[in-house]
Amino acid sequence: MDSSSEQTEKGGAPHGHIATLHEVDVAAGLDSEKPLDPKAAALLRKKIDWHLMPLMCIMYLMTFADKTTLGQSAVLGIIPGAHLTQNQFNWLGTIFYLSYLLFQYPQNLALQKFPVGKWMSINIFVWAVALLAHAACKSFGALFAVRFILGMCEGAITPGFIIVTSMFYTRAEQNKRVGYWFLMNGFAIIFLGFVSFGVLHAKTHKFMPWQWLMTITGIITLITSVLFWFFFPDSPTTAYFLTPEERVQAVQRIKINQAGVENKHWKREQFIEAFTDPKVWVMAAFAAIGNVVNSLTNQRQIIINQFGFTPIQTTLLGCVDGVVEILTIWLGITVTSWRGIGRGYAAALMFVPALLGSILVSKLPSHDKVGLLFSYWISIFVFTPFVILLGWITSIVAGHTKRTTTNAIILSAYAIGNAAGPFMWKKKYQPRNHVPWAVISACIGACAVLILTLRFMLDSENKRRDAEKRDDSYDDVYIREELADGTKTEKRVDRAFLDITDIQNRDFRYVL
């Protein structure tokens, strides 16, 4: 590598530097200086929405439905059917996230090295087979093994979706798109509620309702994985549904992000920067503490049942959980776009009703089962701030290696929180679970402080950059191209496609 290349690796590109292809973003060759017509950009976004959002929404619905079949199965007979104790049941929730944690960075590395859509499709297919295998499990050991496989495969889904969303959408659009596919969790709960209600009426003595649930969801996921393989794109630079001209326009559209599309070359300096960036660890702490609360996902059927409702009533009331989650997430991502609020304040606001609900569930008398139920539903606001954070990550981290590493750190923290959460739902705390709800209230308070701290850090850095003299180090970087007639030329690369980080690029401004 020549001296100019060495300077680029360290973050300082000299004037007139000729960059190698592995240094720059994959979209660098498609960038155009020609202004993009706003009407054409709007039509292109609509086309991207129609091809991406349905598949992403269906896939996220099924992955959430699949991993929460365990919680749904609690009232469908899995505990006696597989000869489980309450502690073993809790461990099945934990092992999923321990496996997720173990494979999180390898999965993110694979998402950088391999085509994103194809890699996710393979993981979804293996996931579906493992889910179908649940129905044959009659012991804790067997269920432990298939839950481990599920956790391993899910490590590719959320980070893959975050990467794809950042590839195709502007920072202003990303938060809502993340919200749209994440609120499918609510639809998954409704779907599971109706399927569970149906299988409870199944009269097959050798095949229990929980086994039917695993089989039905597994088959649907298997079909979805095949559709994903053939129809989900890997990048806007290769998307089958875009014409060559539209691919250029898609690249131009996201230039404003100052974050590029992707770079398949792993960069050591970006990897290190992710680990030394304070805001990454604030987000990781938020993800870990906030997702201790996510243990409600597997406990919700047991909680409602212990309020005094029958199994049939519990499965139907579980559908309302889904409706509430859809509405709270939709409200949260809508509030983020209100003037003067943004991501940080919107996330903090969502914690207010969540805290109220968690306190009421613990303090209301046991005979007030309707009041307890409504308080529980209000506490569901607690899931929305993490959705806002997922949409925020792509707007405040740049550099493809740094972005995948950051995703791995934050989602590993997410897995730690989820793995720890089930252990607070001990048999001795039932039926009121005062200790778990006290922990949830404490987590809500800590997360509110963390999210406001993150916003303060980003706002302070934006003001610092506004006061700086503009850095023109990256204004004259070129790549060599060969035209159709064989002529060799040099093309200037916009700094948005140099695959530099948010810290290196002083033109980068953090979304608040």
Protein backbone atom coordinates (compact mmCIF):
# COMPACT_ATOMS: atom_id res chain seq x y z
CA MET A 1 0.00 0.00 0.00
CA ASP A 2 1.41 3.43 -0.87
CA SER A 3 1.76 6.28 1.61
CA SER A 4 -1.48 7.91 0.53
CA SER A 5 -3.33 4.65 1.09
CA GLU A 6 -1.81 4.37 4.56
CA GLN A 7 -3.10 7.82 5.37
CA THR A 8 -6.57 6.82 4.21
CA GLU A 9 -6.55 3.69 6.39
CA LYS A 10 -5.84 5.98 9.37
CA GLY A 11 -8.68 8.31 8.47
CA GLY A 12 -6.84 11.07 6.62
CA ALA A 13 -7.35 11.05 2.85
CA PRO A 14 -5.00 13.52 1.14
CA HIS A 15 -6.03 15.73 -1.77
CA GLY A 16 -5.97 13.86 -5.08
CA HIS A 17 -5.82 10.44 -3.42
CA ILE A 18 -6.67 7.46 -5.64
CA ALA A 19 -8.69 5.05 -3.50
CA THR A 20 -8.84 1.30 -4.04
CA LEU A 21 -12.23 -0.35 -4.46
CA HIS A 22 -12.07 -2.08 -1.08
CA GLU A 23 -11.66 1.32 0.64
CA VAL A 24 -14.82 2.89 -0.75
CA ASP A 25 -18.50 2.04 -0.58
CA VAL A 26 -20.01 -0.35 -3.15
CA ALA A 27 -22.20 2.50 -4.34
CA ALA A 28 -19.26 4.77 -5.22
CA GLY A 29 -19.29 3.66 -8.85
CA LEU A 30 -23.01 4.40 -9.23
CA ASP A 31 -22.98 7.89 -7.72
CA SER A 32 -23.92 10.71 -10.08
CA GLU A 33 -23.41 14.47 -9.85
CA LYS A 34 -26.71 15.00 -11.67
CA PRO A 35 -29.38 16.34 -9.23
CA LEU A 36 -32.19 13.91 -8.44
CA ASP A 37 -35.66 15.19 -9.27
CA PRO A 38 -37.83 15.21 -6.08
CA LYS A 39 -40.78 13.63 -7.92
CA ALA A 40 -38.56 10.83 -9.25
CA ALA A 41 -37.17 10.32 -5.73
CA ALA A 42 -40.70 10.06 -4.28
CA LEU A 43 -41.76 7.52 -6.94
CA LEU A 44 -38.59 5.52 -6.33
CA ARG A 45 -39.21 5.45 -2.57
CA LYS A 46 -42.73 4.18 -3.19
CA LYS A 47 -41.38 1.42 -5.45
CA ILE A 48 -38.80 0.42 -2.83
CA ASP A 49 -41.52 0.39 -0.16
CA TRP A 50 -43.72 -1.93 -2.19
CA HIS A 51 -40.90 -4.41 -2.79
CA LEU A 52 -39.24 -4.32 0.64
CA MET A 53 -41.83 -3.56 3.30
CA PRO A 54 -44.27 -6.47 2.68
CA LEU A 55 -41.48 -9.08 2.86
CA MET A 56 -39.80 -7.43 5.84
CA CYS A 57 -43.10 -7.13 7.70
CA ILE A 58 -44.16 -10.74 7.02
CA MET A 59 -40.72 -12.02 7.97
CA TYR A 60 -40.55 -10.04 11.19
CA LEU A 61 -44.08 -11.13 12.07
CA MET A 62 -43.12 -14.77 11.71
CA THR A 63 -39.79 -14.53 13.54
CA PHE A 64 -41.44 -12.86 16.52
CA ALA A 65 -44.36 -15.30 16.42
CA ASP A 66 -41.92 -18.20 16.30
CA LYS A 67 -39.75 -17.16 19.22
CA THR A 68 -42.79 -16.32 21.38
CA THR A 69 -44.52 -19.64 20.70
CA LEU A 70 -42.82 -20.70 23.94
CA GLY A 71 -44.76 -18.12 25.97
CA GLN A 72 -47.99 -18.95 24.13
CA SER A 73 -47.39 -22.65 24.77
CA ALA A 74 -47.40 -22.02 28.53
CA VAL A 75 -51.21 -22.16 28.48
CA LEU A 76 -51.32 -24.83 25.76
CA GLY A 77 -49.78 -27.58 27.87
CA ILE A 78 -46.04 -27.48 27.10
CA ILE A 79 -45.00 -27.54 30.78
CA PRO A 80 -46.76 -30.84 31.65
CA GLY A 81 -46.49 -32.14 28.06
CA ALA A 82 -42.68 -31.88 27.99
CA HIS A 83 -42.35 -32.64 31.72
CA LEU A 84 -40.90 -29.19 32.56
CA THR A 85 -40.52 -27.39 35.87
CA GLN A 86 -41.08 -23.61 36.07
CA ASN A 87 -37.30 -23.12 36.30
CA GLN A 88 -36.71 -25.24 33.20
CA PHE A 89 -39.38 -23.29 31.34
CA ASN A 90 -37.57 -20.05 32.26
CA TRP A 91 -34.28 -21.55 31.06
CA LEU A 92 -35.81 -22.22 27.64
CA GLY A 93 -36.40 -18.46 27.36
CA THR A 94 -32.87 -17.73 28.52
CA ILE A 95 -30.98 -20.17 26.30
CA PHE A 96 -32.50 -18.57 23.19
CA TYR A 97 -30.83 -15.28 24.10
CA LEU A 98 -27.57 -16.83 25.30
CA SER A 99 -27.26 -18.47 21.88
CA TYR A 100 -28.23 -15.16 20.26
CA LEU A 101 -25.45 -13.48 22.27
CA LEU A 102 -22.86 -16.13 21.36
CA PHE A 103 -23.53 -15.87 17.62
CA GLN A 104 -24.28 -12.14 17.40
CA TYR A 105 -20.89 -10.91 16.21
CA PRO A 106 -20.27 -13.88 13.84
CA GLN A 107 -23.68 -13.21 12.32
CA ASN A 108 -22.95 -9.49 11.85
CA LEU A 109 -19.58 -10.35 10.30
CA ALA A 110 -21.32 -12.75 7.91
CA LEU A 111 -23.85 -10.03 7.02
CA GLN A 112 -20.91 -7.83 5.97
CA LYS A 113 -19.07 -10.57 4.04
CA PHE A 114 -22.01 -12.25 2.27
CA PRO A 115 -25.10 -10.98 0.39
CA VAL A 116 -27.45 -9.75 3.13
CA GLY A 117 -30.73 -11.09 1.73
CA LYS A 118 -29.35 -14.55 0.91
CA TRP A 119 -27.65 -14.94 4.30
CA MET A 120 -30.87 -14.03 6.12
CA SER A 121 -32.83 -16.49 3.93
CA ILE A 122 -30.52 -19.37 4.90
CA ASN A 123 -30.89 -18.55 8.58
CA ILE A 124 -34.68 -18.30 8.29
CA PHE A 125 -34.82 -21.72 6.59
CA VAL A 126 -32.75 -23.37 9.37
CA TRP A 127 -34.90 -21.49 11.92
CA ALA A 128 -38.11 -22.94 10.39
CA VAL A 129 -36.76 -26.51 10.49
CA ALA A 130 -35.75 -26.06 14.15
CA LEU A 131 -39.22 -24.71 14.98
CA LEU A 132 -40.90 -27.70 13.33
CA ALA A 133 -38.63 -29.95 15.39
CA HIS A 134 -40.13 -28.47 18.60
CA ALA A 135 -43.25 -30.56 18.04
CA ALA A 136 -41.21 -33.77 18.38
CA CYS A 137 -39.58 -32.70 21.65
CA LYS A 138 -40.80 -34.36 24.83
CA SER A 139 -38.07 -33.31 27.27
CA PHE A 140 -36.20 -30.28 28.57
CA GLY A 141 -32.96 -31.38 26.85
CA ALA A 142 -34.57 -31.67 23.41
CA LEU A 143 -36.33 -28.30 23.72
CA PHE A 144 -33.08 -26.76 25.02
CA ALA A 145 -31.30 -27.85 21.81
CA VAL A 146 -33.89 -26.49 19.36
CA ARG A 147 -34.22 -23.21 21.30
CA PHE A 148 -30.42 -22.85 21.04
CA ILE A 149 -30.65 -23.20 17.24
CA LEU A 150 -33.42 -20.60 17.09
CA GLY A 151 -31.27 -18.10 19.00
CA MET A 152 -28.32 -18.72 16.71
CA CYS A 153 -30.41 -18.05 13.57
CA GLU A 154 -32.24 -15.02 14.92
CA GLY A 155 -28.88 -13.30 15.33
CA ALA A 156 -29.02 -12.52 11.59
CA ILE A 157 -32.55 -11.11 11.37
CA THR A 158 -32.72 -7.83 13.30
CA PRO A 159 -29.18 -6.64 12.37
CA GLY A 160 -29.85 -7.68 8.77
CA PHE A 161 -33.06 -5.66 8.72
CA ILE A 162 -31.28 -2.65 10.26
CA ILE A 163 -28.57 -2.82 7.57
CA VAL A 164 -31.09 -3.14 4.71
CA THR A 165 -33.17 -0.25 6.05
CA SER A 166 -30.08 1.98 6.14
CA MET A 167 -29.16 0.91 2.57
CA PHE A 168 -32.46 1.86 0.96
CA TYR A 169 -33.82 4.76 3.04
CA THR A 170 -32.77 8.25 4.10
CA ARG A 171 -32.19 8.94 7.78
CA ALA A 172 -35.50 10.83 7.97
CA GLU A 173 -37.31 7.73 6.62
CA GLN A 174 -35.45 5.03 8.56
CA ASN A 175 -37.13 5.48 11.94
CA LYS A 176 -40.63 4.95 10.55
CA ARG A 177 -39.55 1.97 8.42
CA VAL A 178 -37.94 0.27 11.41
CA GLY A 179 -41.13 1.02 13.33
CA TYR A 180 -43.28 -0.51 10.58
CA TRP A 181 -41.48 -3.86 10.54
CA PHE A 182 -41.04 -3.94 14.31
CA LEU A 183 -44.72 -3.29 15.06
CA MET A 184 -45.41 -6.56 13.27
CA ASN A 185 -44.60 -8.04 16.70
CA GLY A 186 -48.06 -6.86 17.68
CA PHE A 187 -49.66 -8.56 14.69
CA ALA A 188 -47.70 -11.70 15.60
CA ILE A 189 -49.27 -11.69 19.07
CA ILE A 190 -52.75 -11.36 17.53
CA PHE A 191 -51.96 -14.14 15.05
CA LEU A 192 -50.72 -16.42 17.84
CA GLY A 193 -53.77 -15.62 19.93
CA PHE A 194 -56.18 -16.80 17.24
CA VAL A 195 -54.09 -19.85 16.33
CA SER A 196 -53.87 -20.80 20.02
CA PHE A 197 -57.62 -20.38 20.42
CA GLY A 198 -58.11 -22.72 17.45
CA VAL A 199 -55.66 -25.41 18.55
CA LEU A 200 -57.15 -25.45 22.06
CA HIS A 201 -60.23 -26.94 20.40
CA ALA A 202 -58.22 -29.58 18.51
CA LYS A 203 -59.22 -33.09 19.59
CA THR A 204 -56.03 -35.01 18.83
CA HIS A 205 -55.00 -36.92 21.93
CA LYS A 206 -51.48 -37.82 20.78
CA PHE A 207 -50.72 -34.36 19.43
CA MET A 208 -51.13 -31.60 22.02
CA PRO A 209 -52.22 -27.98 21.25
CA TRP A 210 -48.71 -26.62 21.78
CA GLN A 211 -47.35 -29.08 19.22
CA TRP A 212 -49.94 -27.93 16.67
CA LEU A 213 -48.88 -24.33 17.33
CA MET A 214 -45.21 -25.14 16.62
CA THR A 215 -46.10 -27.07 13.47
CA ILE A 216 -48.38 -24.38 11.98
CA THR A 217 -45.95 -21.52 12.60
CA GLY A 218 -43.00 -23.63 11.39
CA ILE A 219 -44.65 -24.43 8.04
CA ILE A 220 -45.54 -20.77 7.40
CA THR A 221 -41.97 -19.70 8.24
CA LEU A 222 -40.53 -22.35 5.91
CA ILE A 223 -42.60 -20.99 3.02
CA THR A 224 -41.58 -17.43 3.91
CA SER A 225 -37.87 -18.36 3.83
CA VAL A 226 -38.19 -19.61 0.24
CA LEU A 227 -39.97 -16.39 -0.83
CA PHE A 228 -37.25 -14.39 0.91
CA TRP A 229 -34.49 -16.18 -1.02
CA PHE A 230 -36.02 -15.37 -4.42
CA PHE A 231 -37.51 -11.91 -3.84
CA PHE A 232 -35.52 -10.06 -1.17
CA PRO A 233 -32.70 -7.83 -2.49
CA ASP A 234 -29.15 -7.71 -1.12
CA SER A 235 -28.46 -4.04 -1.92
CA PRO A 236 -29.87 -1.12 -3.97
CA THR A 237 -26.86 -1.55 -6.28
CA THR A 238 -28.06 -5.04 -7.31
CA ALA A 239 -31.82 -4.99 -6.55
CA TYR A 240 -33.64 -6.96 -9.25
CA PHE A 241 -36.70 -4.67 -9.20
CA LEU A 242 -34.70 -1.53 -10.01
CA THR A 243 -33.58 -0.58 -13.51
CA PRO A 244 -29.90 0.47 -13.96
CA GLU A 245 -31.03 4.11 -13.93
CA GLU A 246 -33.11 3.58 -10.77
CA ARG A 247 -30.13 1.99 -9.01
CA VAL A 248 -28.16 5.18 -9.64
CA GLN A 249 -31.12 7.21 -8.34
CA ALA A 250 -31.42 4.96 -5.26
CA VAL A 251 -27.77 5.66 -4.45
CA GLN A 252 -28.26 9.41 -4.97
CA ARG A 253 -31.33 9.35 -2.75
CA ILE A 254 -29.43 8.10 0.30
CA LYS A 255 -26.33 10.27 -0.26
CA ILE A 256 -27.76 12.71 2.31
CA ASN A 257 -27.16 10.05 5.01
CA GLN A 258 -23.38 10.50 4.69
CA ALA A 259 -23.19 6.78 5.52
CA GLY A 260 -23.10 4.98 2.13
CA VAL A 261 -24.63 1.59 1.34
CA GLU A 262 -22.10 -1.10 2.32
CA ASN A 263 -18.48 -2.18 2.08
CA LYS A 264 -17.58 -5.89 2.04
CA HIS A 265 -14.03 -5.21 3.28
CA TRP A 266 -13.61 -5.47 7.07
CA LYS A 267 -11.73 -2.45 8.46
CA ARG A 268 -9.78 -2.88 11.67
CA GLU A 269 -9.73 0.84 12.53
CA GLN A 270 -13.54 1.04 12.30
CA PHE A 271 -13.88 -2.08 14.47
CA ILE A 272 -11.72 -0.44 17.16
CA GLU A 273 -13.58 2.88 16.85
CA ALA A 274 -16.90 1.15 17.58
CA PHE A 275 -15.47 -0.18 20.86
CA THR A 276 -14.02 3.20 21.87
CA ASP A 277 -17.05 5.34 20.99
CA PRO A 278 -18.87 6.35 24.25
CA LYS A 279 -22.28 6.67 22.60
CA VAL A 280 -22.15 3.01 21.53
CA TRP A 281 -21.84 1.94 25.18
CA VAL A 282 -24.67 4.24 26.28
CA MET A 283 -26.87 2.55 23.66
CA ALA A 284 -25.62 -0.89 24.76
CA ALA A 285 -26.46 -0.15 28.42
CA PHE A 286 -29.91 1.02 27.33
CA ALA A 287 -30.43 -2.18 25.30
CA ALA A 288 -29.33 -4.45 28.15
CA ILE A 289 -31.35 -2.80 30.92
CA GLY A 290 -34.36 -2.12 28.70
CA ASN A 291 -34.61 -5.72 27.57
CA VAL A 292 -34.71 -7.21 31.05
CA VAL A 293 -38.31 -6.03 30.71
CA ASN A 294 -38.73 -8.00 27.48
CA SER A 295 -39.08 -11.16 29.58
CA LEU A 296 -42.75 -10.12 29.71
CA THR A 297 -42.96 -11.63 26.20
CA ASN A 298 -42.71 -15.21 27.48
CA GLN A 299 -44.49 -14.53 30.79
CA ARG A 300 -47.50 -12.53 29.55
CA GLN A 301 -49.84 -15.53 29.17
CA ILE A 302 -48.97 -16.76 32.66
CA ILE A 303 -49.43 -13.23 34.10
CA ILE A 304 -52.89 -12.76 32.56
CA ASN A 305 -53.92 -16.29 33.53
CA GLN A 306 -52.94 -15.54 37.15
CA PHE A 307 -55.05 -12.37 37.16
CA GLY A 308 -57.96 -14.85 37.29
CA PHE A 309 -58.77 -15.52 33.61
CA THR A 310 -59.29 -19.00 32.12
CA PRO A 311 -56.93 -20.42 29.43
CA ILE A 312 -59.50 -19.71 26.69
CA GLN A 313 -59.98 -16.13 27.93
CA THR A 314 -56.20 -15.71 28.24
CA THR A 315 -55.53 -16.69 24.61
CA LEU A 316 -58.15 -14.22 23.34
CA LEU A 317 -57.06 -11.41 25.68
CA GLY A 318 -53.54 -12.00 24.39
CA CYS A 319 -54.75 -10.63 21.03
CA VAL A 320 -55.39 -7.29 22.76
CA ASP A 321 -51.73 -7.30 23.83
CA GLY A 322 -50.89 -7.25 20.14
CA VAL A 323 -53.27 -4.39 19.36
CA VAL A 324 -51.80 -2.34 22.22
CA GLU A 325 -48.24 -3.01 21.04
CA ILE A 326 -49.11 -1.95 17.48
CA LEU A 327 -50.70 1.29 18.71
CA THR A 328 -47.90 2.16 21.14
CA ILE A 329 -45.14 1.59 18.58
CA TRP A 330 -47.06 3.53 15.93
CA LEU A 331 -47.54 6.39 18.42
CA GLY A 332 -43.85 6.33 19.35
CA ILE A 333 -42.49 6.51 15.79
CA THR A 334 -45.07 9.21 14.96
CA VAL A 335 -44.03 11.36 17.91
CA THR A 336 -40.37 11.16 16.81
CA SER A 337 -41.25 13.23 13.72
CA TRP A 338 -42.95 16.01 15.69
CA ARG A 339 -41.04 19.28 15.63
CA GLY A 340 -38.90 19.82 18.73
CA ILE A 341 -39.26 16.24 20.01
CA GLY A 342 -37.28 13.79 17.87
CA ARG A 343 -35.99 10.35 18.86
CA GLY A 344 -34.57 11.04 22.33
CA TYR A 345 -37.49 12.94 23.83
CA ALA A 346 -40.05 10.62 22.17
CA ALA A 347 -38.42 7.55 23.73
CA ALA A 348 -38.34 9.23 27.16
CA LEU A 349 -42.03 10.18 26.86
CA MET A 350 -43.00 6.57 26.12
CA PHE A 351 -41.54 5.54 29.48
CA VAL A 352 -44.06 7.68 31.42
CA PRO A 353 -47.18 5.51 30.83
CA ALA A 354 -44.99 2.38 31.02
CA LEU A 355 -43.85 3.31 34.53
CA LEU A 356 -47.42 4.13 35.58
CA GLY A 357 -48.64 0.73 34.32
CA SER A 358 -45.87 -1.25 36.04
CA ILE A 359 -46.56 0.46 39.39
CA LEU A 360 -50.32 -0.10 39.15
CA VAL A 361 -49.93 -3.83 38.30
CA SER A 362 -47.99 -4.24 41.52
CA LYS A 363 -50.16 -2.02 43.75
CA LEU A 364 -53.78 -2.72 42.70
CA PRO A 365 -55.68 -5.30 44.81
CA SER A 366 -55.78 -8.90 43.57
CA HIS A 367 -59.58 -8.93 43.17
CA ASP A 368 -59.46 -6.02 40.67
CA LYS A 369 -58.57 -8.24 37.74
CA VAL A 370 -59.90 -5.77 35.13
CA GLY A 371 -57.80 -2.97 36.64
CA LEU A 372 -54.76 -5.26 36.70
CA LEU A 373 -55.35 -6.20 33.06
CA PHE A 374 -55.58 -2.58 31.89
CA SER A 375 -52.51 -1.64 33.95
CA TYR A 376 -50.59 -4.47 32.28
CA TRP A 377 -51.67 -3.20 28.86
CA ILE A 378 -50.46 0.33 29.75
CA SER A 379 -47.08 -1.14 30.73
CA ILE A 380 -46.66 -2.36 27.12
CA PHE A 381 -45.49 1.19 26.27
CA VAL A 382 -42.16 -0.04 27.66
CA PHE A 383 -41.33 -1.85 24.38
CA THR A 384 -41.53 1.28 22.19
CA PRO A 385 -38.29 3.10 23.21
CA PHE A 386 -36.14 0.16 22.07
CA VAL A 387 -37.86 0.27 18.66
CA ILE A 388 -37.00 3.98 18.46
CA LEU A 389 -33.38 3.16 19.35
CA LEU A 390 -33.13 0.56 16.55
CA GLY A 391 -34.25 3.19 14.05
CA TRP A 392 -31.85 5.70 15.60
CA ILE A 393 -28.68 3.58 15.35
CA THR A 394 -28.56 3.82 11.55
CA SER A 395 -28.80 7.63 11.79
CA ILE A 396 -25.93 8.15 14.23
CA VAL A 397 -23.33 5.56 13.16
CA ALA A 398 -21.46 5.53 9.84
CA GLY A 399 -18.77 3.34 8.31
CA HIS A 400 -19.92 -0.14 7.36
CA THR A 401 -17.57 -2.11 9.63
CA LYS A 402 -18.33 0.27 12.48
CA ARG A 403 -22.05 -0.06 11.83
CA THR A 404 -22.05 -3.88 11.83
CA THR A 405 -19.82 -3.93 14.94
CA THR A 406 -22.12 -1.44 16.69
CA ASN A 407 -25.13 -3.58 15.78
CA ALA A 408 -23.35 -6.60 17.28
CA ILE A 409 -22.50 -4.75 20.51
CA ILE A 410 -26.00 -3.35 21.00
CA LEU A 411 -27.80 -6.57 20.08
CA SER A 412 -25.43 -8.57 22.29
CA ALA A 413 -26.45 -6.26 25.13
CA TYR A 414 -30.08 -6.85 24.07
CA ALA A 415 -29.45 -10.60 24.38
CA ILE A 416 -27.88 -10.21 27.85
CA GLY A 417 -30.94 -8.31 29.09
CA ASN A 418 -33.29 -10.88 27.58
CA ALA A 419 -31.29 -13.77 29.02
CA ALA A 420 -31.30 -12.28 32.52
CA GLY A 421 -34.98 -11.27 32.54
CA PRO A 422 -36.66 -14.70 32.87
CA PHE A 423 -34.86 -15.45 36.17
CA MET A 424 -36.81 -12.79 38.05
CA TRP A 425 -40.12 -14.58 37.35
CA LYS A 426 -39.72 -17.14 40.10
CA LYS A 427 -42.49 -19.43 41.30
CA LYS A 428 -42.28 -17.97 44.82
CA TYR A 429 -43.24 -14.49 43.53
CA GLN A 430 -46.46 -15.71 41.88
CA PRO A 431 -49.25 -14.81 41.47
CA ARG A 432 -48.68 -11.05 42.04
CA ASN A 433 -45.00 -10.94 41.03
CA HIS A 434 -44.24 -7.83 43.11
CA VAL A 435 -40.46 -8.28 42.83
CA PRO A 436 -40.38 -8.61 38.99
CA TRP A 437 -42.61 -5.55 38.59
CA ALA A 438 -40.38 -3.56 40.96
CA VAL A 439 -37.37 -4.53 38.82
CA ILE A 440 -39.26 -3.45 35.69
CA SER A 441 -40.03 -0.04 37.26
CA ALA A 442 -36.35 0.43 38.15
CA CYS A 443 -35.28 -0.51 34.61
CA ILE A 444 -37.70 2.02 33.14
CA GLY A 445 -36.22 4.81 35.26
CA ALA A 446 -32.62 3.87 34.36
CA CYS A 447 -33.41 3.68 30.65
CA ALA A 448 -35.09 7.10 30.64
CA VAL A 449 -31.89 8.61 32.07
CA LEU A 450 -29.72 6.77 29.51
CA ILE A 451 -31.75 7.83 26.48
CA LEU A 452 -31.71 11.49 27.57
CA THR A 453 -27.94 11.21 28.17
CA LEU A 454 -27.49 9.90 24.62
CA ARG A 455 -29.46 12.80 23.19
CA PHE A 456 -27.40 15.31 25.18
CA MET A 457 -24.14 13.75 23.91
CA LEU A 458 -25.25 13.91 20.27
CA ASP A 459 -26.58 17.46 20.56
CA SER A 460 -23.31 18.63 22.14
CA GLU A 461 -21.25 17.01 19.38
CA ASN A 462 -23.40 18.60 16.65
CA LYS A 463 -22.83 22.04 18.19
CA ARG A 464 -19.09 21.36 18.43
CA ARG A 465 -18.95 20.44 14.72
CA ASP A 466 -21.00 23.48 13.73
CA ALA A 467 -18.36 25.66 15.40
CA GLU A 468 -15.42 23.91 13.65
CA LYS A 469 -13.72 25.04 10.48
CA ARG A 470 -14.81 22.69 7.68
CA ASP A 471 -12.48 19.71 7.10
CA ASP A 472 -11.81 19.31 3.36
CA SER A 473 -9.57 16.21 3.67
CA TYR A 474 -12.07 13.99 1.88
CA ASP A 475 -13.06 16.37 -0.93
CA ASP A 476 -10.60 15.10 -3.57
CA VAL A 477 -10.66 11.31 -3.48
CA TYR A 478 -10.97 9.38 -6.75
CA ILE A 479 -11.39 5.85 -8.05
CA ARG A 480 -10.16 4.61 -11.43
CA GLU A 481 -12.85 3.46 -13.87
CA GLU A 482 -12.77 1.86 -17.29
CA LEU A 483 -15.48 3.07 -19.68
CA ALA A 484 -17.29 0.88 -22.24
CA ASP A 485 -14.92 2.01 -25.01
CA GLY A 486 -11.87 0.97 -22.98
CA THR A 487 -10.93 4.49 -21.93
CA LYS A 488 -9.59 4.72 -18.38
CA THR A 489 -10.68 7.67 -16.27
CA GLU A 490 -10.72 8.87 -12.68
CA LYS A 491 -14.02 9.53 -10.93
CA ARG A 492 -14.35 11.71 -7.87
CA VAL A 493 -15.99 9.95 -4.92
CA ASP A 494 -18.39 11.90 -2.74
CA ARG A 495 -17.41 11.60 0.93
CA ALA A 496 -20.80 9.95 1.56
CA PHE A 497 -19.44 6.91 -0.33
CA LEU A 498 -15.91 6.79 1.07
CA ASP A 499 -16.99 4.36 3.81
CA ILE A 500 -15.70 6.64 6.57
CA THR A 501 -17.15 6.76 10.06
CA ASP A 502 -19.35 9.37 11.69
CA ILE A 503 -16.34 10.48 13.77
CA GLN A 504 -13.99 10.79 10.75
CA ASN A 505 -16.59 12.62 8.65
CA ARG A 506 -16.96 16.06 10.24
CA ASP A 507 -19.79 16.85 7.77
CA PHE A 508 -21.86 14.15 9.53
CA ARG A 509 -24.56 15.51 11.83
CA TYR A 510 -26.34 13.33 14.38
CA VAL A 511 -30.12 13.05 14.21
CA LEU A 512 -31.68 13.96 17.54
